[in-house]
Structure formats: structure tokens, C-alpha cells
Amino acid sequence: MSSLKETLVQALRGYTGKAFNGESYLTTSEDGQRFVVISISTANGKRIVNAGLVVQIANDLIIIDKDINNKMLVNALLQAGIARDQIILAYAGESIPQKA
């Protein structure tokens, strides 16, 4: 069985790669607990850089701080078998436990 972190990273990789006029990349903090998917593209001659996903793991919880995707990360995680009570949608105002 995959760990919570392995499942999260696998799901995040689904948001990376070539895209229309650009590419998206997964970056990770040195401690391996924070993740950002950065998109870099060009539109109308202008360079656009955006952090579409910002996520962290704390105390067996996945905390999603930002998600601007059409297919929300929470749905990908649920499909991968992560229990909903292990996912906090901080961007939607869900409370983060003090111990997280």
C-alpha cells in the first residue's frame, strides 16, 4: 500500500507536463512536506507564471492551500483512495487542526 505522501506525489504529477503554450512543473520543499505545481507559459507575447497547486502534508493530513484547476486535486486524491477526512481544503475555509 502506498504512503500518503507517495499517493499525493503521484496525483500531483498528473498536473505536470506540457500544456497549451507552456509547461507545468512539480516542486518540493527541502523537507519533502510542501509541494507546488508551477505553470510557465506564453500568451499574447507575454510570459505567464502561476502556482496552480499549493499543498502540504502535516500529521497524516493533506492540506490543500490553493487549487485553481478544473479537475480539483481533492477529487484525484479521493479516486486514489485517500479518505476525505485526511484532506483539508484550506483554500475553501476548512479549519486546519492546531496539531497540523
PDB file of N, CA and C in Angstrom:
ATOM      1  N   MET A   1       0.846  -1.194   0.000  1.00  0.00           N
ATOM      2  CA  MET A   1       0.000   0.000   0.000  1.00  0.00           C
ATOM      3  C   MET A   1       0.884   1.248   0.000  1.00  0.00           C
ATOM      4  N   SER A   2       0.511   2.215  -0.790  1.00  0.00           N
ATOM      5  CA  SER A   2       1.288   3.448  -0.889  1.00  0.00           C
ATOM      6  C   SER A   2       1.103   4.312   0.350  1.00  0.00           C
ATOM      7  N   SER A   3       2.126   5.055   0.676  1.00  0.00           N
ATOM      8  CA  SER A   3       2.016   6.002   1.775  1.00  0.00           C
ATOM      9  C   SER A   3       1.210   7.217   1.311  1.00  0.00           C
ATOM     10  N   LEU A   4       0.778   7.993   2.260  1.00  0.00           N
ATOM     11  CA  LEU A   4       0.025   9.211   1.959  1.00  0.00           C
ATOM     12  C   LEU A   4       0.835  10.125   1.043  1.00  0.00           C
ATOM     13  N   LYS A   5       2.117  10.293   1.356  1.00  0.00           N
ATOM     14  CA  LYS A   5       2.980  11.159   0.556  1.00  0.00           C
ATOM     15  C   LYS A   5       3.157  10.611  -0.858  1.00  0.00           C
ATOM     16  N   GLU A   6       3.382   9.321  -0.996  1.00  0.00           N
ATOM     17  CA  GLU A   6       3.546   8.729  -2.326  1.00  0.00           C
ATOM     18  C   GLU A   6       2.297   8.907  -3.169  1.00  0.00           C
ATOM     19  N   THR A   7       1.137   8.720  -2.553  1.00  0.00           N
ATOM     20  CA  THR A   7      -0.130   8.888  -3.271  1.00  0.00           C
ATOM     21  C   THR A   7      -0.318  10.339  -3.691  1.00  0.00           C
ATOM     22  N   LEU A   8       0.008  11.269  -2.802  1.00  0.00           N
ATOM     23  CA  LEU A   8      -0.099  12.690  -3.120  1.00  0.00           C
ATOM     24  C   LEU A   8       0.818  13.058  -4.278  1.00  0.00           C
ATOM     25  N   VAL A   9       2.069  12.640  -4.208  1.00  0.00           N
ATOM     26  CA  VAL A   9       3.024  12.979  -5.264  1.00  0.00           C
ATOM     27  C   VAL A   9       2.574  12.406  -6.608  1.00  0.00           C
ATOM     28  N   GLN A  10       2.077  11.185  -6.594  1.00  0.00           N
ATOM     29  CA  GLN A  10       1.589  10.580  -7.838  1.00  0.00           C
ATOM     30  C   GLN A  10       0.426  11.400  -8.408  1.00  0.00           C
ATOM     31  N   ALA A  11      -0.489  11.825  -7.548  1.00  0.00           N
ATOM     32  CA  ALA A  11      -1.620  12.644  -8.006  1.00  0.00           C
ATOM     33  C   ALA A  11      -1.128  13.992  -8.536  1.00  0.00           C
ATOM     34  N   LEU A  12      -0.172  14.614  -7.840  1.00  0.00           N
ATOM     35  CA  LEU A  12       0.352  15.909  -8.276  1.00  0.00           C
ATOM     36  C   LEU A  12       1.045  15.813  -9.628  1.00  0.00           C
ATOM     37  N   ARG A  13       1.701  14.707  -9.885  1.00  0.00           N
ATOM     38  CA  ARG A  13       2.378  14.528 -11.177  1.00  0.00           C
ATOM     39  C   ARG A  13       1.385  14.556 -12.337  1.00  0.00           C
ATOM     40  N   GLY A  14       0.139  14.218 -12.057  1.00  0.00           N
ATOM     41  CA  GLY A  14      -0.893  14.279 -13.083  1.00  0.00           C
ATOM     42  C   GLY A  14      -1.202  15.700 -13.527  1.00  0.00           C
ATOM     43  N   TYR A  15      -0.740  16.683 -12.771  1.00  0.00           N
ATOM     44  CA  TYR A  15      -0.968  18.091 -13.096  1.00  0.00           C
ATOM     45  C   TYR A  15       0.259  18.729 -13.752  1.00  0.00           C
ATOM     46  N   THR A  16       1.271  17.926 -14.065  1.00  0.00           N
ATOM     47  CA  THR A  16       2.502  18.452 -14.643  1.00  0.00           C
ATOM     48  C   THR A  16       2.649  18.037 -16.096  1.00  0.00           C
ATOM     49  N   GLY A  17       3.613  18.645 -16.765  1.00  0.00           N
ATOM     50  CA  GLY A  17       3.918  18.291 -18.146  1.00  0.00           C
ATOM     51  C   GLY A  17       3.593  19.407 -19.112  1.00  0.00           C
ATOM     52  N   LYS A  18       3.648  19.068 -20.377  1.00  0.00           N
ATOM     53  CA  LYS A  18       3.372  20.055 -21.430  1.00  0.00           C
ATOM     54  C   LYS A  18       1.907  20.464 -21.396  1.00  0.00           C
ATOM     55  N   ALA A  19       1.697  21.738 -21.624  1.00  0.00           N
ATOM     56  CA  ALA A  19       0.344  22.294 -21.682  1.00  0.00           C
ATOM     57  C   ALA A  19       0.304  23.275 -22.842  1.00  0.00           C
ATOM     58  N   PHE A  20      -0.856  23.828 -23.109  1.00  0.00           N
ATOM     59  CA  PHE A  20      -1.003  24.790 -24.198  1.00  0.00           C
ATOM     60  C   PHE A  20      -0.047  25.959 -23.976  1.00  0.00           C
ATOM     61  N   ASN A  21       0.875  26.159 -24.887  1.00  0.00           N
ATOM     62  CA  ASN A  21       1.841  27.260 -24.838  1.00  0.00           C
ATOM     63  C   ASN A  21       2.743  27.260 -23.611  1.00  0.00           C
ATOM     64  N   GLY A  22       2.943  26.091 -22.961  1.00  0.00           N
ATOM     65  CA  GLY A  22       3.807  26.092 -21.794  1.00  0.00           C
ATOM     66  C   GLY A  22       4.001  24.727 -21.181  1.00  0.00           C
ATOM     67  N   GLU A  23       4.413  24.751 -19.931  1.00  0.00           N
ATOM     68  CA  GLU A  23       4.677  23.516 -19.204  1.00  0.00           C
ATOM     69  C   GLU A  23       4.456  23.755 -17.710  1.00  0.00           C
ATOM     70  N   SER A  24       4.092  22.677 -17.003  1.00  0.00           N
ATOM     71  CA  SER A  24       3.896  22.738 -15.551  1.00  0.00           C
ATOM     72  C   SER A  24       4.888  21.807 -14.878  1.00  0.00           C
ATOM     73  N   TYR A  25       5.401  22.236 -13.723  1.00  0.00           N
ATOM     74  CA  TYR A  25       6.436  21.515 -13.004  1.00  0.00           C
ATOM     75  C   TYR A  25       6.038  21.327 -11.543  1.00  0.00           C
ATOM     76  N   LEU A  26       6.418  20.199 -10.975  1.00  0.00           N
ATOM     77  CA  LEU A  26       6.211  19.937  -9.549  1.00  0.00           C
ATOM     78  C   LEU A  26       7.481  20.303  -8.807  1.00  0.00           C
ATOM     79  N   THR A  27       7.359  21.128  -7.792  1.00  0.00           N
ATOM     80  CA  THR A  27       8.488  21.470  -6.936  1.00  0.00           C
ATOM     81  C   THR A  27       8.160  21.026  -5.514  1.00  0.00           C
ATOM     82  N   THR A  28       9.208  20.717  -4.761  1.00  0.00           N
ATOM     83  CA  THR A  28       9.042  20.198  -3.401  1.00  0.00           C
ATOM     84  C   THR A  28       9.997  20.924  -2.465  1.00  0.00           C
ATOM     85  N   SER A  29       9.543  21.184  -1.244  1.00  0.00           N
ATOM     86  CA  SER A  29      10.412  21.805  -0.251  1.00  0.00           C
ATOM     87  C   SER A  29      11.513  20.830   0.157  1.00  0.00           C
ATOM     88  N   GLU A  30      12.558  21.349   0.757  1.00  0.00           N
ATOM     89  CA  GLU A  30      13.679  20.512   1.172  1.00  0.00           C
ATOM     90  C   GLU A  30      13.257  19.415   2.142  1.00  0.00           C
ATOM     91  N   ASP A  31      12.284  19.701   2.996  1.00  0.00           N
ATOM     92  CA  ASP A  31      11.845  18.694   3.967  1.00  0.00           C
ATOM     93  C   ASP A  31      10.842  17.703   3.379  1.00  0.00           C
ATOM     94  N   GLY A  32      10.454  17.904   2.117  1.00  0.00           N
ATOM     95  CA  GLY A  32       9.553  16.984   1.441  1.00  0.00           C
ATOM     96  C   GLY A  32       8.125  17.018   1.943  1.00  0.00           C
ATOM     97  N   GLN A  33       7.728  18.097   2.598  1.00  0.00           N
ATOM     98  CA  GLN A  33       6.381  18.198   3.152  1.00  0.00           C
ATOM     99  C   GLN A  33       5.495  19.221   2.447  1.00  0.00           C
ATOM    100  N   ARG A  34       6.093  20.042   1.593  1.00  0.00           N
ATOM    101  CA  ARG A  34       5.340  21.072   0.878  1.00  0.00           C
ATOM    102  C   ARG A  34       5.574  20.919  -0.621  1.00  0.00           C
ATOM    103  N   PHE A  35       4.502  21.122  -1.393  1.00  0.00           N
ATOM    104  CA  PHE A  35       4.541  20.875  -2.831  1.00  0.00           C
ATOM    105  C   PHE A  35       3.843  22.013  -3.565  1.00  0.00           C
ATOM    106  N   VAL A  36       4.409  22.395  -4.718  1.00  0.00           N
ATOM    107  CA  VAL A  36       3.820  23.443  -5.548  1.00  0.00           C
ATOM    108  C   VAL A  36       3.916  23.000  -7.001  1.00  0.00           C
ATOM    109  N   VAL A  37       2.823  23.151  -7.730  1.00  0.00           N
ATOM    110  CA  VAL A  37       2.854  22.936  -9.174  1.00  0.00           C
ATOM    111  C   VAL A  37       2.867  24.322  -9.811  1.00  0.00           C
ATOM    112  N   ILE A  38       3.969  24.598 -10.509  1.00  0.00           N
ATOM    113  CA  ILE A  38       4.186  25.884 -11.159  1.00  0.00           C
ATOM    114  C   ILE A  38       3.967  25.723 -12.662  1.00  0.00           C
ATOM    115  N   SER A  39       3.208  26.628 -13.246  1.00  0.00           N
ATOM    116  CA  SER A  39       2.997  26.628 -14.696  1.00  0.00           C
ATOM    117  C   SER A  39       3.664  27.855 -15.298  1.00  0.00           C
ATOM    118  N   ILE A  40       4.397  27.631 -16.386  1.00  0.00           N
ATOM    119  CA  ILE A  40       5.050  28.719 -17.105  1.00  0.00           C
ATOM    120  C   ILE A  40       4.601  28.626 -18.557  1.00  0.00           C
ATOM    121  N   SER A  41       4.013  29.707 -19.053  1.00  0.00           N
ATOM    122  CA  SER A  41       3.506  29.694 -20.421  1.00  0.00           C
ATOM    123  C   SER A  41       3.656  31.079 -21.045  1.00  0.00           C
ATOM    124  N   THR A  42       3.277  31.155 -22.315  1.00  0.00           N
ATOM    125  CA  THR A  42       3.295  32.423 -23.043  1.00  0.00           C
ATOM    126  C   THR A  42       1.935  32.620 -23.694  1.00  0.00           C
ATOM    127  N   ALA A  43       1.379  33.806 -23.543  1.00  0.00           N
ATOM    128  CA  ALA A  43       0.094  34.141 -24.174  1.00  0.00           C
ATOM    129  C   ALA A  43       0.155  35.586 -24.635  1.00  0.00           C
ATOM    130  N   ASN A  44      -0.215  35.807 -25.874  1.00  0.00           N
ATOM    131  CA  ASN A  44      -0.198  37.159 -26.455  1.00  0.00           C
ATOM    132  C   ASN A  44       1.165  37.823 -26.285  1.00  0.00           C
ATOM    133  N   GLY A  45       2.228  37.035 -26.419  1.00  0.00           N
ATOM    134  CA  GLY A  45       3.573  37.566 -26.311  1.00  0.00           C
ATOM    135  C   GLY A  45       4.042  37.847 -24.895  1.00  0.00           C
ATOM    136  N   LYS A  46       3.232  37.490 -23.901  1.00  0.00           N
ATOM    137  CA  LYS A  46       3.607  37.737 -22.502  1.00  0.00           C
ATOM    138  C   LYS A  46       3.863  36.416 -21.789  1.00  0.00           C
ATOM    139  N   ARG A  47       4.866  36.417 -20.940  1.00  0.00           N
ATOM    140  CA  ARG A  47       5.200  35.244 -20.128  1.00  0.00           C
ATOM    141  C   ARG A  47       4.293  35.225 -18.905  1.00  0.00           C
ATOM    142  N   ILE A  48       3.686  34.053 -18.643  1.00  0.00           N
ATOM    143  CA  ILE A  48       2.765  33.912 -17.508  1.00  0.00           C
ATOM    144  C   ILE A  48       3.295  32.806 -16.605  1.00  0.00           C
ATOM    145  N   VAL A  49       3.429  33.113 -15.318  1.00  0.00           N
ATOM    146  CA  VAL A  49       3.876  32.150 -14.326  1.00  0.00           C
ATOM    147  C   VAL A  49       2.821  32.092 -13.233  1.00  0.00           C
ATOM    148  N   ASN A  50       2.394  30.875 -12.887  1.00  0.00           N
ATOM    149  CA  ASN A  50       1.326  30.727 -11.915  1.00  0.00           C
ATOM    150  C   ASN A  50       1.549  29.480 -11.067  1.00  0.00           C
ATOM    151  N   ALA A  51       1.277  29.596  -9.787  1.00  0.00           N
ATOM    152  CA  ALA A  51       1.283  28.446  -8.892  1.00  0.00           C
ATOM    153  C   ALA A  51      -0.166  27.967  -8.795  1.00  0.00           C
ATOM    154  N   GLY A  52      -0.476  26.897  -9.523  1.00  0.00           N
ATOM    155  CA  GLY A  52      -1.853  26.416  -9.578  1.00  0.00           C
ATOM    156  C   GLY A  52      -2.238  25.521  -8.421  1.00  0.00           C
ATOM    157  N   LEU A  53      -1.251  24.858  -7.832  1.00  0.00           N
ATOM    158  CA  LEU A  53      -1.493  23.980  -6.685  1.00  0.00           C
ATOM    159  C   LEU A  53      -0.443  24.251  -5.616  1.00  0.00           C
ATOM    160  N   VAL A  54      -0.900  24.428  -4.384  1.00  0.00           N
ATOM    161  CA  VAL A  54      -0.008  24.564  -3.234  1.00  0.00           C
ATOM    162  C   VAL A  54      -0.559  23.623  -2.169  1.00  0.00           C
ATOM    163  N   VAL A  55       0.271  22.649  -1.766  1.00  0.00           N
ATOM    164  CA  VAL A  55      -0.190  21.575  -0.885  1.00  0.00           C
ATOM    165  C   VAL A  55       0.888  21.277   0.146  1.00  0.00           C
ATOM    166  N   GLN A  56       0.459  20.827   1.328  1.00  0.00           N
ATOM    167  CA  GLN A  56       1.414  20.371   2.326  1.00  0.00           C
ATOM    168  C   GLN A  56       0.880  19.148   3.055  1.00  0.00           C
ATOM    169  N   ILE A  57       1.792  18.390   3.628  1.00  0.00           N
ATOM    170  CA  ILE A  57       1.427  17.238   4.454  1.00  0.00           C
ATOM    171  C   ILE A  57       1.819  17.560   5.889  1.00  0.00           C
ATOM    172  N   ALA A  58       0.910  17.329   6.817  1.00  0.00           N
ATOM    173  CA  ALA A  58       1.192  17.537   8.238  1.00  0.00           C
ATOM    174  C   ALA A  58       0.350  16.557   9.048  1.00  0.00           C
ATOM    175  N   ASN A  59       1.017  15.758   9.878  1.00  0.00           N
ATOM    176  CA  ASN A  59       0.324  14.829  10.786  1.00  0.00           C
ATOM    177  C   ASN A  59      -0.725  13.974  10.077  1.00  0.00           C
ATOM    178  N   ASP A  60      -0.333  13.295   9.013  1.00  0.00           N
ATOM    179  CA  ASP A  60      -1.207  12.406   8.245  1.00  0.00           C
ATOM    180  C   ASP A  60      -2.411  13.118   7.634  1.00  0.00           C
ATOM    181  N   LEU A  61      -2.254  14.408   7.369  1.00  0.00           N
ATOM    182  CA  LEU A  61      -3.280  15.185   6.686  1.00  0.00           C
ATOM    183  C   LEU A  61      -2.682  15.815   5.444  1.00  0.00           C
ATOM    184  N   ILE A  62      -3.466  15.910   4.394  1.00  0.00           N
ATOM    185  CA  ILE A  62      -3.083  16.657   3.204  1.00  0.00           C
ATOM    186  C   ILE A  62      -3.841  17.971   3.263  1.00  0.00           C
ATOM    187  N   ILE A  63      -3.092  19.057   3.291  1.00  0.00           N
ATOM    188  CA  ILE A  63      -3.686  20.391   3.381  1.00  0.00           C
ATOM    189  C   ILE A  63      -3.489  21.075   2.028  1.00  0.00           C
ATOM    190  N   ILE A  64      -4.596  21.353   1.350  1.00  0.00           N
ATOM    191  CA  ILE A  64      -4.538  21.997   0.037  1.00  0.00           C
ATOM    192  C   ILE A  64      -4.785  23.490   0.250  1.00  0.00           C
ATOM    193  N   ASP A  65      -3.729  24.279   0.067  1.00  0.00           N
ATOM    194  CA  ASP A  65      -3.814  25.722   0.290  1.00  0.00           C
ATOM    195  C   ASP A  65      -4.331  26.473  -0.929  1.00  0.00           C
ATOM    196  N   LYS A  66      -4.057  25.927  -2.132  1.00  0.00           N
ATOM    197  CA  LYS A  66      -4.513  26.580  -3.356  1.00  0.00           C
ATOM    198  C   LYS A  66      -4.729  25.524  -4.420  1.00  0.00           C
ATOM    199  N   ASP A  67      -5.828  25.642  -5.162  1.00  0.00           N
ATOM    200  CA  ASP A  67      -6.101  24.753  -6.288  1.00  0.00           C
ATOM    201  C   ASP A  67      -6.991  25.513  -7.263  1.00  0.00           C
ATOM    202  N   ILE A  68      -6.434  25.823  -8.450  1.00  0.00           N
ATOM    203  CA  ILE A  68      -7.191  26.592  -9.447  1.00  0.00           C
ATOM    204  C   ILE A  68      -7.478  25.747 -10.690  1.00  0.00           C
ATOM    205  N   ASN A  69      -7.402  24.445 -10.564  1.00  0.00           N
ATOM    206  CA  ASN A  69      -7.564  23.537 -11.699  1.00  0.00           C
ATOM    207  C   ASN A  69      -9.020  23.180 -11.939  1.00  0.00           C
ATOM    208  N   ASN A  70      -9.345  22.821 -13.179  1.00  0.00           N
ATOM    209  CA  ASN A  70     -10.690  22.351 -13.496  1.00  0.00           C
ATOM    210  C   ASN A  70     -10.973  21.025 -12.801  1.00  0.00           C
ATOM    211  N   LYS A  71     -10.014  20.098 -12.851  1.00  0.00           N
ATOM    212  CA  LYS A  71     -10.137  18.854 -12.096  1.00  0.00           C
ATOM    213  C   LYS A  71      -9.430  19.085 -10.757  1.00  0.00           C
ATOM    214  N   MET A  72     -10.223  19.234  -9.727  1.00  0.00           N
ATOM    215  CA  MET A  72      -9.675  19.574  -8.418  1.00  0.00           C
ATOM    216  C   MET A  72      -8.851  18.414  -7.854  1.00  0.00           C
ATOM    217  N   LEU A  73      -7.759  18.754  -7.168  1.00  0.00           N
ATOM    218  CA  LEU A  73      -6.881  17.754  -6.568  1.00  0.00           C
ATOM    219  C   LEU A  73      -7.631  16.879  -5.576  1.00  0.00           C
ATOM    220  N   VAL A  74      -8.565  17.438  -4.838  1.00  0.00           N
ATOM    221  CA  VAL A  74      -9.316  16.641  -3.866  1.00  0.00           C
ATOM    222  C   VAL A  74      -9.979  15.453  -4.552  1.00  0.00           C
ATOM    223  N   ASN A  75     -10.511  15.647  -5.742  1.00  0.00           N
ATOM    224  CA  ASN A  75     -11.157  14.549  -6.465  1.00  0.00           C
ATOM    225  C   ASN A  75     -10.147  13.497  -6.900  1.00  0.00           C
ATOM    226  N   ALA A  76      -8.982  13.931  -7.358  1.00  0.00           N
ATOM    227  CA  ALA A  76      -7.931  12.981  -7.741  1.00  0.00           C
ATOM    228  C   ALA A  76      -7.476  12.165  -6.530  1.00  0.00           C
ATOM    229  N   LEU A  77      -7.376  12.817  -5.378  1.00  0.00           N
ATOM    230  CA  LEU A  77      -6.958  12.108  -4.159  1.00  0.00           C
ATOM    231  C   LEU A  77      -8.011  11.105  -3.703  1.00  0.00           C
ATOM    232  N   LEU A  78      -9.271  11.500  -3.777  1.00  0.00           N
ATOM    233  CA  LEU A  78     -10.353  10.578  -3.412  1.00  0.00           C
ATOM    234  C   LEU A  78     -10.352   9.367  -4.333  1.00  0.00           C
ATOM    235  N   GLN A  79     -10.159   9.598  -5.634  1.00  0.00           N
ATOM    236  CA  GLN A  79     -10.103   8.497  -6.593  1.00  0.00           C
ATOM    237  C   GLN A  79      -8.909   7.580  -6.322  1.00  0.00           C
ATOM    238  N   ALA A  80      -7.835   8.143  -5.756  1.00  0.00           N
ATOM    239  CA  ALA A  80      -6.640   7.355  -5.440  1.00  0.00           C
ATOM    240  C   ALA A  80      -6.760   6.619  -4.107  1.00  0.00           C
ATOM    241  N   GLY A  81      -7.896   6.822  -3.407  1.00  0.00           N
ATOM    242  CA  GLY A  81      -8.131   6.085  -2.172  1.00  0.00           C
ATOM    243  C   GLY A  81      -7.842   6.827  -0.878  1.00  0.00           C
ATOM    244  N   ILE A  82      -7.536   8.114  -0.951  1.00  0.00           N
ATOM    245  CA  ILE A  82      -7.320   8.897   0.264  1.00  0.00           C
ATOM    246  C   ILE A  82      -8.688   9.238   0.862  1.00  0.00           C
ATOM    247  N   ALA A  83      -8.836   9.020   2.160  1.00  0.00           N
ATOM    248  CA  ALA A  83     -10.095   9.312   2.847  1.00  0.00           C
ATOM    249  C   ALA A  83     -10.323  10.825   2.904  1.00  0.00           C
ATOM    250  N   ARG A  84     -11.555  11.248   2.726  1.00  0.00           N
ATOM    251  CA  ARG A  84     -11.884  12.679   2.722  1.00  0.00           C
ATOM    252  C   ARG A  84     -11.493  13.348   4.030  1.00  0.00           C
ATOM    253  N   ASP A  85     -11.560  12.600   5.160  1.00  0.00           N
ATOM    254  CA  ASP A  85     -11.210  13.212   6.447  1.00  0.00           C
ATOM    255  C   ASP A  85      -9.700  13.413   6.609  1.00  0.00           C
ATOM    256  N   GLN A  86      -8.913  12.968   5.629  1.00  0.00           N
ATOM    257  CA  GLN A  86      -7.471  13.223   5.634  1.00  0.00           C
ATOM    258  C   GLN A  86      -7.097  14.392   4.727  1.00  0.00           C
ATOM    259  N   ILE A  87      -8.107  15.027   4.128  1.00  0.00           N
ATOM    260  CA  ILE A  87      -7.873  16.131   3.187  1.00  0.00           C
ATOM    261  C   ILE A  87      -8.535  17.390   3.730  1.00  0.00           C
ATOM    262  N   ILE A  88      -7.764  18.449   3.834  1.00  0.00           N
ATOM    263  CA  ILE A  88      -8.293  19.740   4.286  1.00  0.00           C
ATOM    264  C   ILE A  88      -8.196  20.725   3.136  1.00  0.00           C
ATOM    265  N   LEU A  89      -9.320  21.324   2.790  1.00  0.00           N
ATOM    266  CA  LEU A  89      -9.371  22.335   1.734  1.00  0.00           C
ATOM    267  C   LEU A  89      -9.234  23.711   2.382  1.00  0.00           C
ATOM    268  N   ALA A  90      -8.003  24.081   2.704  1.00  0.00           N
ATOM    269  CA  ALA A  90      -7.752  25.362   3.371  1.00  0.00           C
ATOM    270  C   ALA A  90      -8.220  26.520   2.500  1.00  0.00           C
ATOM    271  N   TYR A  91      -8.072  26.393   1.173  1.00  0.00           N
ATOM    272  CA  TYR A  91      -8.496  27.454   0.256  1.00  0.00           C
ATOM    273  C   TYR A  91      -9.996  27.679   0.310  1.00  0.00           C
ATOM    274  N   ALA A  92     -10.753  26.683   0.774  1.00  0.00           N
ATOM    275  CA  ALA A  92     -12.212  26.795   0.863  1.00  0.00           C
ATOM    276  C   ALA A  92     -12.663  27.132   2.289  1.00  0.00           C
ATOM    277  N   GLY A  93     -11.701  27.424   3.164  1.00  0.00           N
ATOM    278  CA  GLY A  93     -12.039  27.834   4.523  1.00  0.00           C
ATOM    279  C   GLY A  93     -12.137  26.711   5.538  1.00  0.00           C
ATOM    280  N   GLU A  94     -11.804  25.466   5.147  1.00  0.00           N
ATOM    281  CA  GLU A  94     -11.834  24.379   6.120  1.00  0.00           C
ATOM    282  C   GLU A  94     -10.742  24.596   7.161  1.00  0.00           C
ATOM    283  N   SER A  95     -11.066  24.305   8.395  1.00  0.00           N
ATOM    284  CA  SER A  95     -10.139  24.536   9.512  1.00  0.00           C
ATOM    285  C   SER A  95      -8.990  23.532   9.515  1.00  0.00           C
ATOM    286  N   ILE A  96      -7.831  24.050   9.850  1.00  0.00           N
ATOM    287  CA  ILE A  96      -6.646  23.224   9.993  1.00  0.00           C
ATOM    288  C   ILE A  96      -6.458  22.964  11.489  1.00  0.00           C
ATOM    289  N   PRO A  97      -6.424  21.696  11.897  1.00  0.00           N
ATOM    290  CA  PRO A  97      -6.237  21.397  13.330  1.00  0.00           C
ATOM    291  C   PRO A  97      -4.949  22.010  13.856  1.00  0.00           C
ATOM    292  N   GLN A  98      -4.937  22.397  15.112  1.00  0.00           N
ATOM    293  CA  GLN A  98      -3.774  23.018  15.733  1.00  0.00           C
ATOM    294  C   GLN A  98      -2.529  22.152  15.617  1.00  0.00           C
ATOM    295  N   LYS A  99      -2.693  20.825  15.688  1.00  0.00           N
ATOM    296  CA  LYS A  99      -1.528  19.947  15.656  1.00  0.00           C
ATOM    297  C   LYS A  99      -0.956  19.774  14.257  1.00  0.00           C
ATOM    298  N   ALA A 100      -1.655  20.247  13.228  1.00  0.00           N
ATOM    299  CA  ALA A 100      -1.187  20.071  11.840  1.00  0.00           C
ATOM    300  C   ALA A 100      -0.114  21.036  11.460  1.00  0.00           C
TER     301      ALA A 100
END
